[in-house]
């Protein structure tokens, strides 16, 4: 399965992303489980977490060049929400 591309993303709490996908669907994704991994540890900083951006093409969300989460993971691991 190919998940739809990301069209928008924002941090709604210090651990939850709200992600919109092409086609109009949205998911809520909790990063808490990722924070134990070294790569994601900087996201414990609320200011950095809120600086999330969508990568060109909608293939991931990112925080600078070092931290990203793919559209597949966000789609698969996110909880569907109504807009």
N, C-alpha and C. Protein backbone atom coordinates (compact mmCIF):
# COMPACT_ATOMS: atom_id res chain seq x y z
N UNK A 1 0.84 -1.20 0.00
CA UNK A 1 0.00 0.00 0.00
C UNK A 1 0.87 1.24 0.00
N UNK A 2 0.51 2.17 -0.83
CA UNK A 2 1.21 3.45 -0.87
C UNK A 2 0.33 4.48 -0.17
N UNK A 3 0.80 5.00 0.96
CA UNK A 3 0.00 6.01 1.66
C UNK A 3 -0.04 7.30 0.86
N UNK A 4 -1.08 8.10 1.06
CA UNK A 4 -1.13 9.39 0.37
C UNK A 4 -0.03 10.31 0.88
N UNK A 5 0.31 11.28 0.09
CA UNK A 5 1.34 12.25 0.47
C UNK A 5 0.80 13.22 1.53
N UNK A 6 1.71 13.73 2.31
CA UNK A 6 1.38 14.69 3.37
C UNK A 6 1.19 16.06 2.74
N UNK A 7 0.12 16.74 3.15
CA UNK A 7 -0.11 18.10 2.66
C UNK A 7 0.11 19.16 3.74
N UNK A 8 -0.02 18.77 5.01
CA UNK A 8 0.17 19.73 6.11
C UNK A 8 0.44 18.96 7.40
N UNK A 9 1.16 19.60 8.31
CA UNK A 9 1.42 18.98 9.61
C UNK A 9 1.63 20.08 10.64
N UNK A 10 1.18 19.82 11.86
CA UNK A 10 1.43 20.75 12.95
C UNK A 10 1.45 19.99 14.27
N UNK A 11 2.20 20.52 15.22
CA UNK A 11 2.25 19.96 16.57
C UNK A 11 1.05 20.51 17.33
N UNK A 12 0.25 19.62 17.91
CA UNK A 12 -0.92 20.07 18.66
C UNK A 12 -0.70 20.00 20.17
N UNK A 13 0.29 19.20 20.60
CA UNK A 13 0.76 19.18 21.98
C UNK A 13 2.27 18.98 21.90
N UNK A 14 2.92 18.73 23.03
CA UNK A 14 4.36 18.49 23.02
C UNK A 14 4.73 17.11 22.50
N UNK A 15 3.74 16.26 22.19
CA UNK A 15 4.01 14.90 21.72
C UNK A 15 3.11 14.45 20.57
N UNK A 16 2.13 15.23 20.20
CA UNK A 16 1.15 14.82 19.20
C UNK A 16 1.24 15.69 17.94
N UNK A 17 1.34 15.01 16.79
CA UNK A 17 1.29 15.69 15.49
C UNK A 17 -0.10 15.50 14.89
N UNK A 18 -0.59 16.53 14.24
CA UNK A 18 -1.79 16.45 13.43
C UNK A 18 -1.32 16.54 11.99
N UNK A 19 -1.61 15.51 11.21
CA UNK A 19 -1.08 15.42 9.85
C UNK A 19 -2.24 15.29 8.86
N UNK A 20 -2.26 16.15 7.84
CA UNK A 20 -3.25 16.06 6.78
C UNK A 20 -2.60 15.44 5.55
N UNK A 21 -3.38 14.59 4.87
CA UNK A 21 -2.89 13.88 3.69
C UNK A 21 -3.70 14.27 2.46
N UNK A 22 -3.09 14.07 1.29
CA UNK A 22 -3.79 14.28 0.02
C UNK A 22 -5.05 13.42 0.04
N UNK A 23 -6.13 13.95 -0.43
CA UNK A 23 -7.40 13.24 -0.40
C UNK A 23 -8.27 13.67 0.76
N UNK A 24 -7.71 14.51 1.66
CA UNK A 24 -8.51 15.09 2.72
C UNK A 24 -8.50 14.35 4.05
N UNK A 25 -7.86 13.19 4.14
CA UNK A 25 -7.84 12.48 5.43
C UNK A 25 -6.79 13.09 6.35
N UNK A 26 -7.02 12.92 7.66
CA UNK A 26 -6.10 13.44 8.66
C UNK A 26 -5.85 12.36 9.71
N UNK A 27 -4.67 12.41 10.31
CA UNK A 27 -4.29 11.46 11.37
C UNK A 27 -3.61 12.22 12.50
N UNK A 28 -3.78 11.68 13.68
CA UNK A 28 -3.10 12.18 14.87
C UNK A 28 -2.03 11.15 15.21
N UNK A 29 -0.77 11.60 15.34
CA UNK A 29 0.35 10.69 15.56
C UNK A 29 1.08 11.08 16.84
N UNK A 30 1.20 10.12 17.76
CA UNK A 30 1.88 10.33 19.04
C UNK A 30 3.33 9.87 18.90
N UNK A 31 4.28 10.78 19.11
CA UNK A 31 5.70 10.45 18.96
C UNK A 31 6.31 9.87 20.23
N UNK A 32 5.56 9.72 21.29
CA UNK A 32 6.11 9.30 22.59
C UNK A 32 6.99 8.05 22.49
N UNK A 33 6.56 7.05 21.76
CA UNK A 33 7.33 5.81 21.65
C UNK A 33 8.66 6.01 20.94
N UNK A 34 8.75 7.01 20.09
CA UNK A 34 9.99 7.26 19.35
C UNK A 34 11.05 7.96 20.20
N UNK A 35 10.65 8.64 21.25
CA UNK A 35 11.56 9.48 22.01
C UNK A 35 12.67 8.71 22.71
N UNK A 36 12.52 7.40 22.89
CA UNK A 36 13.58 6.59 23.50
C UNK A 36 14.74 6.36 22.53
N UNK A 37 14.49 6.56 21.25
CA UNK A 37 15.54 6.38 20.24
C UNK A 37 16.37 7.65 20.14
N UNK A 38 17.68 7.47 20.06
CA UNK A 38 18.61 8.61 20.05
C UNK A 38 18.28 9.64 18.97
N UNK A 39 17.92 9.18 17.80
CA UNK A 39 17.62 10.09 16.69
C UNK A 39 16.49 11.07 17.04
N UNK A 40 15.49 10.59 17.79
CA UNK A 40 14.31 11.40 18.08
C UNK A 40 14.39 12.13 19.42
N UNK A 41 15.39 11.85 20.24
CA UNK A 41 15.50 12.46 21.57
C UNK A 41 15.44 13.99 21.56
N UNK A 42 16.01 14.69 20.56
CA UNK A 42 15.89 16.15 20.55
C UNK A 42 14.45 16.66 20.52
N UNK A 43 13.51 15.82 20.08
CA UNK A 43 12.11 16.25 20.00
C UNK A 43 11.45 16.35 21.37
N UNK A 44 12.17 15.99 22.42
CA UNK A 44 11.68 16.22 23.78
C UNK A 44 11.61 17.71 24.08
N UNK A 45 12.33 18.50 23.30
CA UNK A 45 12.29 19.96 23.41
C UNK A 45 11.03 20.45 22.70
N UNK A 46 10.06 20.99 23.45
CA UNK A 46 8.79 21.41 22.84
C UNK A 46 8.95 22.43 21.72
N UNK A 47 9.90 23.35 21.85
CA UNK A 47 10.09 24.37 20.80
C UNK A 47 10.54 23.71 19.50
N UNK A 48 11.44 22.75 19.58
CA UNK A 48 11.89 22.06 18.38
C UNK A 48 10.74 21.25 17.79
N UNK A 49 10.02 20.51 18.62
CA UNK A 49 8.92 19.69 18.13
C UNK A 49 7.90 20.53 17.37
N UNK A 50 7.60 21.72 17.85
CA UNK A 50 6.61 22.58 17.21
C UNK A 50 7.10 23.15 15.88
N UNK A 51 8.40 23.02 15.60
CA UNK A 51 8.98 23.54 14.35
C UNK A 51 8.90 22.52 13.21
N UNK A 52 7.99 21.57 13.29
CA UNK A 52 7.83 20.53 12.27
C UNK A 52 7.51 21.15 10.91
N UNK A 53 8.07 20.56 9.86
CA UNK A 53 7.78 20.99 8.49
C UNK A 53 7.49 19.75 7.64
N UNK A 54 6.81 19.98 6.52
CA UNK A 54 6.54 18.91 5.56
C UNK A 54 7.64 18.95 4.51
N UNK A 55 8.23 17.79 4.26
CA UNK A 55 9.29 17.69 3.24
C UNK A 55 8.70 17.93 1.85
N UNK A 56 9.49 18.50 0.93
CA UNK A 56 9.01 18.67 -0.44
C UNK A 56 8.53 17.34 -1.02
N UNK A 57 7.41 17.36 -1.67
CA UNK A 57 6.82 16.15 -2.24
C UNK A 57 5.88 15.43 -1.30
N UNK A 58 5.89 15.82 0.00
CA UNK A 58 4.97 15.22 0.96
C UNK A 58 5.34 13.83 1.41
N UNK A 59 6.63 13.47 1.31
CA UNK A 59 7.06 12.12 1.67
C UNK A 59 7.40 11.95 3.15
N UNK A 60 7.48 13.04 3.90
CA UNK A 60 7.84 12.95 5.32
C UNK A 60 7.59 14.30 5.98
N UNK A 61 7.60 14.27 7.32
CA UNK A 61 7.70 15.50 8.09
C UNK A 61 9.11 15.51 8.67
N UNK A 62 9.64 16.70 8.94
CA UNK A 62 11.01 16.74 9.42
C UNK A 62 11.24 17.90 10.37
N UNK A 63 12.35 17.78 11.04
CA UNK A 63 12.88 18.81 11.93
C UNK A 63 14.34 18.95 11.55
N UNK A 64 14.63 19.87 10.67
CA UNK A 64 15.99 20.01 10.16
C UNK A 64 16.36 18.85 9.25
N UNK A 65 17.66 18.63 9.09
CA UNK A 65 18.13 17.58 8.18
C UNK A 65 18.32 16.23 8.86
N UNK A 66 18.27 16.19 10.18
CA UNK A 66 18.62 14.98 10.90
C UNK A 66 17.42 14.13 11.36
N UNK A 67 16.25 14.72 11.50
CA UNK A 67 15.11 14.00 12.08
C UNK A 67 13.93 14.06 11.12
N UNK A 68 13.39 12.89 10.79
CA UNK A 68 12.18 12.86 9.95
C UNK A 68 11.36 11.61 10.25
N UNK A 69 10.09 11.68 9.87
CA UNK A 69 9.17 10.56 9.98
C UNK A 69 8.45 10.45 8.63
N UNK A 70 8.46 9.26 8.06
CA UNK A 70 7.90 9.06 6.72
C UNK A 70 6.38 9.14 6.70
N UNK A 71 5.85 9.40 5.52
CA UNK A 71 4.40 9.42 5.35
C UNK A 71 3.82 8.06 5.65
N UNK A 72 4.56 6.98 5.34
CA UNK A 72 4.07 5.62 5.61
C UNK A 72 3.89 5.42 7.12
N UNK A 73 4.87 5.79 7.91
CA UNK A 73 4.77 5.62 9.36
C UNK A 73 3.65 6.46 9.95
N UNK A 74 3.53 7.70 9.50
CA UNK A 74 2.48 8.58 10.00
C UNK A 74 1.10 8.06 9.64
N UNK A 75 0.96 7.52 8.43
CA UNK A 75 -0.32 6.97 7.98
C UNK A 75 -0.65 5.70 8.72
N UNK A 76 0.32 4.77 8.79
CA UNK A 76 0.12 3.48 9.41
C UNK A 76 -0.06 3.61 10.93
N UNK A 77 0.77 4.41 11.57
CA UNK A 77 0.75 4.52 13.03
C UNK A 77 -0.14 5.61 13.58
N UNK A 78 -0.70 6.43 12.71
CA UNK A 78 -1.55 7.52 13.16
C UNK A 78 -2.99 7.08 13.40
N UNK A 79 -3.65 7.81 14.24
CA UNK A 79 -5.06 7.56 14.53
C UNK A 79 -5.93 8.46 13.65
N UNK A 80 -6.82 7.88 12.84
CA UNK A 80 -7.66 8.71 11.97
C UNK A 80 -8.50 9.69 12.81
N UNK A 81 -8.61 10.91 12.31
CA UNK A 81 -9.42 11.94 12.98
C UNK A 81 -10.25 12.68 11.95
N UNK A 82 -11.34 13.21 12.44
CA UNK A 82 -12.18 14.07 11.60
C UNK A 82 -11.56 15.45 11.53
N UNK A 83 -11.65 16.08 10.41
CA UNK A 83 -11.12 17.44 10.26
C UNK A 83 -12.02 18.44 10.93
